[in-house]
């Protein structure tokens, strides 16, 4: 059995379809019997994200076991965590400050969206959420995150995701450089090697 997840990034793919449905509803009020002949029916291309380098994404099938097997492969997991940590550590001091982690935390998209359009939370609320997420990584509360803290919290979060998914396969849209995509790639490589 395959479940489909409607993650916020996935919803943006279908934004045009929902916009088209909106136009169909408008056609009812214009007196047109055929919504396809409505003068309001025009391509509904809307740029919903600011112009920036778009990340590659792919649709993958995974389950909780995919993620757990990835985390339990301590050597492979450690290498990927070290790579991500080094990428985030822009001043190369071996520690992640709040400023260095902020961009990564913002990629988590913790606020709900409506058909791919982000909800605008209060700036103070947004700051509290990101500070709270940073505090989850900063186990010793010294204001920085070292590699061990980063790896431990990343593992804890991935295990929580795996437990949430369970063992039924789900279809998800994943960023190419995400830990979940790396877990899927690892699983595929082990199956090919077997």
N, C-alpha and C. Protein backbone atom coordinates (compact mmCIF):
# COMPACT_ATOMS: atom_id res chain seq x y z
N UNK A 1 0.85 -1.18 0.00
CA UNK A 1 0.00 0.00 0.00
C UNK A 1 0.89 1.23 0.00
N UNK A 2 0.57 2.20 -0.81
CA UNK A 2 1.38 3.41 -0.96
C UNK A 2 0.57 4.61 -0.51
N UNK A 3 1.10 5.34 0.48
CA UNK A 3 0.46 6.57 0.92
C UNK A 3 1.19 7.74 0.30
N UNK A 4 0.45 8.78 -0.05
CA UNK A 4 1.07 10.00 -0.56
C UNK A 4 1.03 11.07 0.51
N UNK A 5 2.15 11.73 0.72
CA UNK A 5 2.22 12.80 1.69
C UNK A 5 2.02 14.13 1.00
N UNK A 6 1.21 14.99 1.55
CA UNK A 6 0.97 16.31 0.99
C UNK A 6 1.83 17.36 1.65
N UNK A 7 3.14 17.19 1.67
CA UNK A 7 4.04 18.16 2.28
C UNK A 7 3.91 19.50 1.56
N UNK A 8 4.28 20.55 2.23
CA UNK A 8 4.09 21.89 1.69
C UNK A 8 4.79 22.08 0.35
N UNK A 9 5.99 21.56 0.21
CA UNK A 9 6.67 21.70 -1.07
C UNK A 9 5.94 20.93 -2.16
N UNK A 10 5.32 19.81 -1.79
CA UNK A 10 4.58 19.02 -2.75
C UNK A 10 3.34 19.78 -3.21
N UNK A 11 2.74 20.54 -2.28
CA UNK A 11 1.53 21.30 -2.62
C UNK A 11 1.82 22.37 -3.66
N UNK A 12 3.03 22.90 -3.67
CA UNK A 12 3.33 23.95 -4.64
C UNK A 12 3.26 23.41 -6.07
N UNK A 13 3.51 22.12 -6.24
CA UNK A 13 3.45 21.53 -7.57
C UNK A 13 2.02 21.58 -8.13
N UNK A 14 1.05 21.57 -7.25
CA UNK A 14 -0.35 21.52 -7.66
C UNK A 14 -1.06 22.86 -7.50
N UNK A 15 -0.30 23.90 -7.20
CA UNK A 15 -0.90 25.21 -6.99
C UNK A 15 -1.69 25.65 -8.22
N UNK A 16 -1.12 25.44 -9.41
CA UNK A 16 -1.80 25.85 -10.64
C UNK A 16 -3.14 25.14 -10.79
N UNK A 17 -3.18 23.85 -10.44
CA UNK A 17 -4.43 23.11 -10.55
C UNK A 17 -5.50 23.69 -9.62
N UNK A 18 -5.11 24.02 -8.39
CA UNK A 18 -6.07 24.59 -7.46
C UNK A 18 -6.50 25.98 -7.92
N UNK A 19 -5.57 26.71 -8.47
CA UNK A 19 -5.91 28.03 -9.01
C UNK A 19 -6.91 27.87 -10.15
N UNK A 20 -6.70 26.84 -10.98
CA UNK A 20 -7.61 26.57 -12.09
C UNK A 20 -9.01 26.25 -11.56
N UNK A 21 -9.08 25.50 -10.46
CA UNK A 21 -10.39 25.20 -9.87
C UNK A 21 -11.07 26.48 -9.41
N UNK A 22 -10.30 27.41 -8.88
CA UNK A 22 -10.84 28.71 -8.49
C UNK A 22 -11.45 29.42 -9.69
N UNK A 23 -10.78 29.34 -10.82
CA UNK A 23 -11.28 29.98 -12.02
C UNK A 23 -12.57 29.32 -12.49
N UNK A 24 -12.66 28.01 -12.34
CA UNK A 24 -13.89 27.31 -12.70
C UNK A 24 -15.04 27.83 -11.86
N UNK A 25 -14.79 28.05 -10.57
CA UNK A 25 -15.83 28.58 -9.71
C UNK A 25 -16.27 29.97 -10.17
N UNK A 26 -15.31 30.81 -10.60
CA UNK A 26 -15.66 32.14 -11.08
C UNK A 26 -16.49 32.06 -12.35
N UNK A 27 -16.26 31.03 -13.16
CA UNK A 27 -17.00 30.92 -14.42
C UNK A 27 -18.49 30.68 -14.17
N UNK A 28 -18.83 30.13 -13.01
CA UNK A 28 -20.24 29.90 -12.69
C UNK A 28 -20.98 31.23 -12.55
N UNK A 29 -20.28 32.23 -12.06
CA UNK A 29 -20.93 33.52 -11.85
C UNK A 29 -20.95 34.38 -13.10
N UNK A 30 -20.19 34.00 -14.13
CA UNK A 30 -20.15 34.81 -15.35
C UNK A 30 -21.22 34.41 -16.34
N UNK A 31 -21.96 33.33 -16.08
CA UNK A 31 -23.00 32.90 -16.98
C UNK A 31 -22.51 31.94 -18.06
N UNK A 32 -21.24 31.61 -18.08
CA UNK A 32 -20.72 30.67 -19.06
C UNK A 32 -21.08 29.26 -18.64
N UNK A 33 -21.68 28.51 -19.56
CA UNK A 33 -22.06 27.14 -19.23
C UNK A 33 -20.86 26.20 -19.23
N UNK A 34 -19.91 26.45 -20.09
CA UNK A 34 -18.71 25.62 -20.17
C UNK A 34 -17.56 26.38 -19.52
N UNK A 35 -17.07 25.89 -18.39
CA UNK A 35 -15.99 26.64 -17.73
C UNK A 35 -14.74 26.74 -18.58
N UNK A 36 -14.54 25.82 -19.53
CA UNK A 36 -13.35 25.89 -20.36
C UNK A 36 -13.42 27.03 -21.36
N UNK A 37 -14.61 27.55 -21.64
CA UNK A 37 -14.73 28.66 -22.58
C UNK A 37 -14.77 30.01 -21.85
N UNK A 38 -14.60 30.00 -20.57
CA UNK A 38 -14.65 31.23 -19.79
C UNK A 38 -13.52 32.17 -20.18
N UNK A 39 -13.83 33.47 -20.31
CA UNK A 39 -12.77 34.43 -20.61
C UNK A 39 -11.79 34.58 -19.46
N UNK A 40 -12.18 34.12 -18.27
CA UNK A 40 -11.30 34.21 -17.11
C UNK A 40 -10.30 33.07 -17.05
N UNK A 41 -10.45 32.07 -17.92
CA UNK A 41 -9.59 30.90 -17.88
C UNK A 41 -8.30 31.21 -18.63
N UNK A 42 -7.30 31.61 -17.89
CA UNK A 42 -6.00 31.93 -18.46
C UNK A 42 -4.95 31.13 -17.69
N UNK A 43 -3.79 30.94 -18.26
CA UNK A 43 -2.76 30.20 -17.51
C UNK A 43 -2.52 30.86 -16.16
N UNK A 44 -2.50 30.05 -15.14
CA UNK A 44 -2.39 30.57 -13.77
C UNK A 44 -0.98 30.38 -13.24
N UNK A 45 0.01 30.94 -13.89
CA UNK A 45 1.39 30.85 -13.44
C UNK A 45 1.64 31.96 -12.44
N UNK A 46 1.98 31.56 -11.24
CA UNK A 46 2.26 32.52 -10.19
C UNK A 46 3.59 32.13 -9.57
N UNK A 47 4.48 33.08 -9.42
CA UNK A 47 5.75 32.81 -8.77
C UNK A 47 5.52 32.88 -7.27
N UNK A 48 5.53 31.71 -6.62
CA UNK A 48 5.21 31.67 -5.20
C UNK A 48 6.44 31.72 -4.32
N UNK A 49 7.61 31.60 -4.88
CA UNK A 49 8.82 31.66 -4.08
C UNK A 49 9.68 32.80 -4.60
N UNK A 50 10.44 33.41 -3.71
CA UNK A 50 11.32 34.47 -4.19
C UNK A 50 12.35 33.89 -5.15
N UNK A 51 12.82 34.73 -6.05
CA UNK A 51 13.81 34.25 -7.02
C UNK A 51 15.11 33.96 -6.30
N UNK A 52 15.48 32.70 -6.30
CA UNK A 52 16.74 32.26 -5.75
C UNK A 52 17.06 30.93 -6.40
N UNK A 53 18.24 30.47 -6.17
CA UNK A 53 18.65 29.21 -6.78
C UNK A 53 17.74 28.10 -6.26
N UNK A 54 17.04 27.45 -7.19
CA UNK A 54 16.12 26.39 -6.80
C UNK A 54 16.89 25.11 -6.54
N UNK A 55 16.49 24.42 -5.50
CA UNK A 55 17.13 23.16 -5.16
C UNK A 55 16.49 22.05 -5.99
N UNK A 56 17.32 21.10 -6.39
CA UNK A 56 16.80 19.95 -7.11
C UNK A 56 16.00 19.09 -6.15
N UNK A 57 14.89 18.58 -6.66
CA UNK A 57 14.04 17.73 -5.84
C UNK A 57 13.66 16.51 -6.65
N UNK A 58 13.28 15.46 -5.94
CA UNK A 58 12.82 14.26 -6.62
C UNK A 58 11.74 13.59 -5.78
N UNK A 59 10.92 12.81 -6.43
CA UNK A 59 9.87 12.07 -5.74
C UNK A 59 10.44 10.69 -5.43
N UNK A 60 10.39 10.32 -4.17
CA UNK A 60 10.96 9.05 -3.71
C UNK A 60 9.95 8.29 -2.86
N UNK A 61 10.13 6.99 -2.78
CA UNK A 61 9.31 6.14 -1.92
C UNK A 61 10.21 5.65 -0.79
N UNK A 62 9.75 5.84 0.44
CA UNK A 62 10.53 5.39 1.60
C UNK A 62 9.60 5.03 2.73
N UNK A 63 10.17 4.40 3.73
CA UNK A 63 9.42 4.07 4.95
C UNK A 63 10.35 4.27 6.14
N UNK A 64 9.84 3.99 7.32
CA UNK A 64 10.63 4.17 8.53
C UNK A 64 11.89 3.33 8.54
N UNK A 65 11.82 2.12 7.98
CA UNK A 65 12.98 1.22 7.97
C UNK A 65 14.11 1.82 7.13
N UNK A 66 13.78 2.50 6.05
CA UNK A 66 14.80 3.15 5.22
C UNK A 66 15.62 4.12 6.05
N UNK A 67 14.94 4.92 6.86
CA UNK A 67 15.62 5.93 7.67
C UNK A 67 16.38 5.27 8.82
N UNK A 68 15.76 4.30 9.49
CA UNK A 68 16.43 3.63 10.61
C UNK A 68 17.69 2.90 10.16
N UNK A 69 17.63 2.23 9.02
CA UNK A 69 18.82 1.54 8.51
C UNK A 69 19.93 2.53 8.19
N UNK A 70 19.57 3.68 7.68
CA UNK A 70 20.54 4.74 7.38
C UNK A 70 21.21 5.22 8.66
N UNK A 71 20.43 5.50 9.69
CA UNK A 71 20.97 6.00 10.96
C UNK A 71 21.82 4.92 11.64
N UNK A 72 21.44 3.67 11.50
CA UNK A 72 22.18 2.58 12.15
C UNK A 72 23.49 2.25 11.46
N UNK A 73 23.66 2.69 10.22
CA UNK A 73 24.95 2.57 9.54
C UNK A 73 25.81 3.72 10.02
N UNK A 74 26.42 3.54 11.20
CA UNK A 74 27.10 4.63 11.90
C UNK A 74 28.18 5.30 11.06
N UNK A 75 28.93 4.52 10.30
CA UNK A 75 30.01 5.10 9.51
C UNK A 75 29.49 6.01 8.40
N UNK A 76 28.53 5.53 7.63
CA UNK A 76 27.96 6.33 6.53
C UNK A 76 27.22 7.54 7.08
N UNK A 77 26.48 7.34 8.15
CA UNK A 77 25.74 8.44 8.76
C UNK A 77 26.70 9.52 9.27
N UNK A 78 27.77 9.10 9.93
CA UNK A 78 28.75 10.05 10.47
C UNK A 78 29.39 10.88 9.35
N UNK A 79 29.72 10.23 8.25
CA UNK A 79 30.34 10.94 7.13
C UNK A 79 29.40 12.02 6.59
N UNK A 80 28.13 11.69 6.42
CA UNK A 80 27.16 12.68 5.90
C UNK A 80 26.91 13.81 6.90
N UNK A 81 26.85 13.47 8.18
CA UNK A 81 26.67 14.51 9.20
C UNK A 81 27.87 15.45 9.22
N UNK A 82 29.07 14.89 9.12
CA UNK A 82 30.29 15.71 9.09
C UNK A 82 30.30 16.64 7.88
N UNK A 83 29.87 16.13 6.73
CA UNK A 83 29.80 16.96 5.53
C UNK A 83 28.82 18.13 5.71
N UNK A 84 27.63 17.83 6.25
CA UNK A 84 26.64 18.88 6.47
C UNK A 84 27.15 19.89 7.49
N UNK A 85 27.77 19.40 8.55
CA UNK A 85 28.31 20.28 9.59
C UNK A 85 29.37 21.21 9.00
N UNK A 86 30.28 20.66 8.20
CA UNK A 86 31.34 21.46 7.59
C UNK A 86 30.75 22.51 6.65
N UNK A 87 29.69 22.15 5.94
CA UNK A 87 29.02 23.09 5.05
C UNK A 87 28.41 24.26 5.83
N UNK A 88 27.85 23.96 6.98
CA UNK A 88 27.21 25.00 7.80
C UNK A 88 28.22 25.86 8.56
N UNK A 89 29.37 25.29 8.90
CA UNK A 89 30.39 25.97 9.70
C UNK A 89 31.18 26.92 8.81
N UNK A 90 30.60 28.07 8.52
CA UNK A 90 31.19 28.99 7.55
C UNK A 90 32.48 29.64 8.04
N UNK A 91 32.67 29.79 9.34
CA UNK A 91 33.91 30.39 9.84
C UNK A 91 34.95 29.32 10.23
N UNK A 92 34.62 28.07 10.04
CA UNK A 92 35.54 26.93 10.23
C UNK A 92 36.16 26.87 11.62
N UNK A 93 35.36 27.19 12.64
CA UNK A 93 35.88 27.12 14.01
C UNK A 93 35.48 25.82 14.71
N UNK A 94 34.77 24.93 14.01
CA UNK A 94 34.37 23.65 14.60
C UNK A 94 33.11 23.75 15.45
N UNK A 95 32.47 24.91 15.44
CA UNK A 95 31.24 25.12 16.20
C UNK A 95 30.24 25.84 15.31
N UNK A 96 28.96 25.55 15.52
CA UNK A 96 27.91 26.25 14.78
C UNK A 96 27.25 27.25 15.70
N UNK A 97 27.26 28.50 15.27
CA UNK A 97 26.55 29.54 16.01
C UNK A 97 25.10 29.54 15.55
N UNK A 98 24.29 30.31 16.25
CA UNK A 98 22.89 30.44 15.86
C UNK A 98 22.80 31.00 14.44
N UNK A 99 23.62 31.99 14.13
CA UNK A 99 23.59 32.61 12.79
C UNK A 99 23.95 31.59 11.71
N UNK A 100 24.91 30.72 11.99
CA UNK A 100 25.31 29.71 11.00
C UNK A 100 24.21 28.66 10.79
N UNK A 101 23.48 28.34 11.83
CA UNK A 101 22.43 27.32 11.72
C UNK A 101 21.10 27.88 11.24
N UNK A 102 20.94 29.19 11.30
CA UNK A 102 19.64 29.79 11.01
C UNK A 102 19.14 29.43 9.61
N UNK A 103 20.00 29.49 8.61
CA UNK A 103 19.57 29.18 7.25
C UNK A 103 19.09 27.73 7.15
N UNK A 104 19.77 26.82 7.80
CA UNK A 104 19.36 25.42 7.81
C UNK A 104 18.03 25.25 8.53
N UNK A 105 17.85 25.95 9.64
CA UNK A 105 16.60 25.86 10.38
C UNK A 105 15.44 26.42 9.56
N UNK A 106 15.69 27.47 8.80
CA UNK A 106 14.64 28.06 7.98
C UNK A 106 14.22 27.11 6.86
N UNK A 107 15.12 26.24 6.42
CA UNK A 107 14.78 25.26 5.37
C UNK A 107 13.80 24.20 5.86
N UNK A 108 13.64 24.08 7.17
CA UNK A 108 12.72 23.06 7.72
C UNK A 108 11.27 23.40 7.45
N UNK A 109 10.96 24.61 7.11
CA UNK A 109 9.58 25.04 6.80
C UNK A 109 8.61 24.58 7.89
N UNK A 110 8.83 25.07 9.09
CA UNK A 110 8.02 24.63 10.23
C UNK A 110 6.64 25.26 10.28
N UNK A 111 6.40 26.28 9.48
CA UNK A 111 5.08 26.90 9.46
C UNK A 111 4.27 26.35 8.32
N UNK A 112 2.99 26.16 8.57
CA UNK A 112 2.08 25.62 7.56
C UNK A 112 1.96 26.57 6.38
N UNK A 113 1.66 26.00 5.24
CA UNK A 113 1.41 26.81 4.06
C UNK A 113 0.04 26.43 3.51
N UNK A 114 -0.51 27.32 2.74
CA UNK A 114 -1.80 27.08 2.10
C UNK A 114 -1.57 27.07 0.60
N UNK A 115 -1.63 25.91 0.00
CA UNK A 115 -1.39 25.75 -1.44
C UNK A 115 -0.06 26.36 -1.86
N UNK A 116 0.97 26.18 -1.02
CA UNK A 116 2.30 26.63 -1.37
C UNK A 116 2.60 28.07 -1.04
N UNK A 117 1.64 28.79 -0.48
CA UNK A 117 1.87 30.19 -0.11
C UNK A 117 2.13 30.23 1.38
N UNK A 118 3.31 30.69 1.76
CA UNK A 118 3.69 30.68 3.16
C UNK A 118 2.81 31.60 4.00
N UNK A 119 2.49 31.13 5.18
CA UNK A 119 1.79 31.94 6.17
C UNK A 119 2.81 32.90 6.76
N UNK A 120 2.44 34.14 6.97
CA UNK A 120 3.36 35.14 7.51
C UNK A 120 3.18 35.23 9.02
N UNK A 121 4.02 34.55 9.79
CA UNK A 121 3.91 34.66 11.25
C UNK A 121 4.52 35.97 11.74
N UNK A 122 4.20 36.30 12.96
CA UNK A 122 4.80 37.48 13.59
C UNK A 122 6.31 37.25 13.70
N UNK A 123 7.12 38.28 13.48
CA UNK A 123 8.58 38.11 13.59
C UNK A 123 9.03 37.59 14.94
N UNK A 124 8.36 38.02 16.01
CA UNK A 124 8.74 37.56 17.35
C UNK A 124 8.44 36.07 17.51
N UNK A 125 7.33 35.61 16.94
CA UNK A 125 6.99 34.20 17.00
C UNK A 125 8.00 33.37 16.20
N UNK A 126 8.36 33.85 15.05
CA UNK A 126 9.33 33.19 14.20
C UNK A 126 10.68 33.07 14.91
N UNK A 127 11.12 34.14 15.54
CA UNK A 127 12.39 34.13 16.27
C UNK A 127 12.35 33.12 17.41
N UNK A 128 11.24 33.05 18.13
CA UNK A 128 11.11 32.08 19.24
C UNK A 128 11.19 30.65 18.73
N UNK A 129 10.56 30.37 17.59
CA UNK A 129 10.58 29.01 17.04
C UNK A 129 12.00 28.61 16.65
N UNK A 130 12.71 29.49 15.94
CA UNK A 130 14.07 29.17 15.51
C UNK A 130 15.02 29.06 16.70
N UNK A 131 14.84 29.91 17.70
CA UNK A 131 15.67 29.81 18.91
C UNK A 131 15.41 28.49 19.63
N UNK A 132 14.16 28.08 19.68
CA UNK A 132 13.81 26.82 20.31
C UNK A 132 14.42 25.63 19.56
N UNK A 133 14.38 25.68 18.24
CA UNK A 133 15.00 24.62 17.45
C UNK A 133 16.51 24.58 17.67
N UNK A 134 17.14 25.75 17.72
CA UNK A 134 18.58 25.81 17.98
C UNK A 134 18.88 25.22 19.35
N UNK A 135 18.05 25.55 20.35
CA UNK A 135 18.26 25.03 21.70
C UNK A 135 18.17 23.50 21.74
N UNK A 136 17.38 22.90 20.86
CA UNK A 136 17.31 21.43 20.79
C UNK A 136 18.65 20.84 20.41
N UNK A 137 19.40 21.54 19.58
CA UNK A 137 20.73 21.07 19.17
C UNK A 137 21.79 21.39 20.21
N UNK A 138 21.65 22.51 20.89
CA UNK A 138 22.66 22.98 21.85
C UNK A 138 22.44 22.30 23.20
N UNK A 139 22.88 21.06 23.31
CA UNK A 139 22.62 20.25 24.51
C UNK A 139 23.23 20.84 25.78
N UNK A 140 24.43 21.43 25.68
CA UNK A 140 25.07 21.96 26.88
C UNK A 140 24.78 23.45 27.11
N UNK A 141 23.91 24.03 26.31
CA UNK A 141 23.43 25.41 26.45
C UNK A 141 24.56 26.44 26.52
N UNK A 142 25.61 26.23 25.72
CA UNK A 142 26.71 27.20 25.71
C UNK A 142 26.61 28.18 24.55
N UNK A 143 25.53 28.14 23.79
CA UNK A 143 25.33 29.09 22.70
C UNK A 143 25.91 28.65 21.37
N UNK A 144 26.54 27.48 21.33
CA UNK A 144 27.08 26.95 20.08
C UNK A 144 26.77 25.45 20.03
N UNK A 145 26.82 24.90 18.81
CA UNK A 145 26.58 23.47 18.61
C UNK A 145 27.85 22.86 18.05
N UNK A 146 28.39 21.86 18.76
CA UNK A 146 29.57 21.17 18.24
C UNK A 146 29.13 19.97 17.41
N UNK A 147 30.07 19.29 16.79
CA UNK A 147 29.77 18.18 15.90
C UNK A 147 29.00 17.06 16.62
N UNK A 148 29.39 16.74 17.84
CA UNK A 148 28.72 15.67 18.58
C UNK A 148 27.26 16.01 18.86
N UNK A 149 27.02 17.25 19.27
CA UNK A 149 25.64 17.67 19.52
C UNK A 149 24.83 17.65 18.23
N UNK A 150 25.43 18.12 17.15
CA UNK A 150 24.75 18.17 15.86
C UNK A 150 24.40 16.75 15.40
N UNK A 151 25.34 15.83 15.53
CA UNK A 151 25.09 14.46 15.11
C UNK A 151 24.03 13.78 15.98
N UNK A 152 24.12 13.97 17.29
CA UNK A 152 23.15 13.35 18.20
C UNK A 152 21.73 13.86 17.94
N UNK A 153 21.57 15.16 17.75
CA UNK A 153 20.24 15.71 17.54
C UNK A 153 19.70 15.36 16.16
N UNK A 154 20.57 15.33 15.16
CA UNK A 154 20.15 14.93 13.82
C UNK A 154 19.66 13.48 13.84
N UNK A 155 20.39 12.63 14.54
CA UNK A 155 19.97 11.23 14.66
C UNK A 155 18.63 11.14 15.38
N UNK A 156 18.48 11.88 16.46
CA UNK A 156 17.22 11.85 17.22
C UNK A 156 16.05 12.31 16.35
N UNK A 157 16.25 13.35 15.57
CA UNK A 157 15.18 13.86 14.71
C UNK A 157 14.83 12.86 13.61
N UNK A 158 15.84 12.22 13.01
CA UNK A 158 15.57 11.25 11.95
C UNK A 158 14.86 10.02 12.50
N UNK A 159 15.24 9.58 13.70
CA UNK A 159 14.54 8.44 14.31
C UNK A 159 13.08 8.81 14.59
N UNK A 160 12.84 10.05 15.01
CA UNK A 160 11.46 10.50 15.24
C UNK A 160 10.67 10.50 13.93
N UNK A 161 11.29 10.93 12.84
CA UNK A 161 10.62 10.91 11.54
C UNK A 161 10.32 9.47 11.14
N UNK A 162 11.30 8.57 11.35
CA UNK A 162 11.10 7.16 11.01
C UNK A 162 9.95 6.56 11.82
N UNK A 163 9.90 6.87 13.10
CA UNK A 163 8.81 6.36 13.93
C UNK A 163 7.47 6.92 13.49
N UNK A 164 7.46 8.16 13.06
CA UNK A 164 6.23 8.78 12.57
C UNK A 164 5.74 8.18 11.26
N UNK A 165 6.68 7.81 10.39
CA UNK A 165 6.30 7.22 9.11
C UNK A 165 5.80 5.79 9.27
N UNK A 166 6.40 5.07 10.20
CA UNK A 166 6.03 3.67 10.35
C UNK A 166 6.63 2.83 9.24
N UNK A 167 6.03 1.69 8.99
CA UNK A 167 6.63 0.77 8.03
C UNK A 167 5.82 0.59 6.75
N UNK A 168 4.86 1.48 6.52
CA UNK A 168 4.17 1.50 5.23
C UNK A 168 4.89 2.49 4.33
N UNK A 169 5.13 2.14 3.08
CA UNK A 169 5.84 3.06 2.19
C UNK A 169 5.03 4.33 1.94
N UNK A 170 5.75 5.43 1.85
CA UNK A 170 5.15 6.72 1.52
C UNK A 170 5.91 7.33 0.36
N UNK A 171 5.22 8.14 -0.39
CA UNK A 171 5.83 8.85 -1.50
C UNK A 171 6.02 10.29 -1.06
N UNK A 172 7.26 10.80 -1.17
CA UNK A 172 7.57 12.14 -0.71
C UNK A 172 8.42 12.87 -1.75
N UNK A 173 8.30 14.17 -1.76
CA UNK A 173 9.18 15.01 -2.55
C UNK A 173 10.33 15.41 -1.64
N UNK A 174 11.55 15.06 -2.06
CA UNK A 174 12.73 15.30 -1.23
C UNK A 174 13.74 16.17 -1.96
N UNK A 175 14.41 17.03 -1.20
CA UNK A 175 15.52 17.79 -1.75
C UNK A 175 16.69 16.84 -1.94
N UNK A 176 17.45 17.04 -3.02
CA UNK A 176 18.54 16.13 -3.38
C UNK A 176 19.60 16.02 -2.30
N UNK A 177 19.87 17.08 -1.55
CA UNK A 177 20.94 17.03 -0.54
C UNK A 177 20.42 16.77 0.87
N UNK A 178 19.16 16.37 1.01
CA UNK A 178 18.58 16.15 2.34
C UNK A 178 19.01 14.80 2.90
N UNK A 179 18.93 14.67 4.22
CA UNK A 179 19.26 13.41 4.87
C UNK A 179 18.31 12.30 4.41
N UNK A 180 17.03 12.63 4.22
CA UNK A 180 16.08 11.61 3.78
C UNK A 180 16.42 11.10 2.38
N UNK A 181 16.84 11.98 1.50
CA UNK A 181 17.24 11.55 0.16
C UNK A 181 18.49 10.68 0.24
N UNK A 182 19.41 11.04 1.12
CA UNK A 182 20.62 10.23 1.30
C UNK A 182 20.26 8.84 1.83
N UNK A 183 19.24 8.77 2.69
CA UNK A 183 18.80 7.47 3.21
C UNK A 183 18.22 6.61 2.09
N UNK A 184 17.44 7.22 1.21
CA UNK A 184 16.87 6.49 0.07
C UNK A 184 17.98 6.02 -0.86
N UNK A 185 18.94 6.90 -1.15
CA UNK A 185 20.06 6.53 -2.02
C UNK A 185 20.86 5.37 -1.44
N UNK A 186 21.10 5.42 -0.12
CA UNK A 186 21.84 4.35 0.54
C UNK A 186 21.10 3.02 0.40
N UNK A 187 19.78 3.06 0.61
CA UNK A 187 18.99 1.83 0.50
C UNK A 187 19.06 1.26 -0.92
N UNK A 188 18.96 2.13 -1.92
CA UNK A 188 19.04 1.68 -3.31
C UNK A 188 20.40 1.05 -3.62
N UNK A 189 21.46 1.67 -3.11
CA UNK A 189 22.81 1.15 -3.35
C UNK A 189 23.01 -0.22 -2.70
N UNK A 190 22.46 -0.41 -1.51
CA UNK A 190 22.62 -1.71 -0.85
C UNK A 190 21.82 -2.79 -1.56
N UNK A 191 20.67 -2.42 -2.12
CA UNK A 191 19.87 -3.40 -2.87
C UNK A 191 20.54 -3.75 -4.19
N UNK A 192 21.16 -2.79 -4.84
CA UNK A 192 21.86 -3.05 -6.09
C UNK A 192 23.08 -3.91 -5.84
N UNK A 193 23.79 -3.65 -4.74
CA UNK A 193 25.00 -4.40 -4.41
C UNK A 193 24.69 -5.84 -4.02
N UNK A 194 23.48 -6.09 -3.54
CA UNK A 194 23.12 -7.45 -3.07
C UNK A 194 22.82 -8.39 -4.19
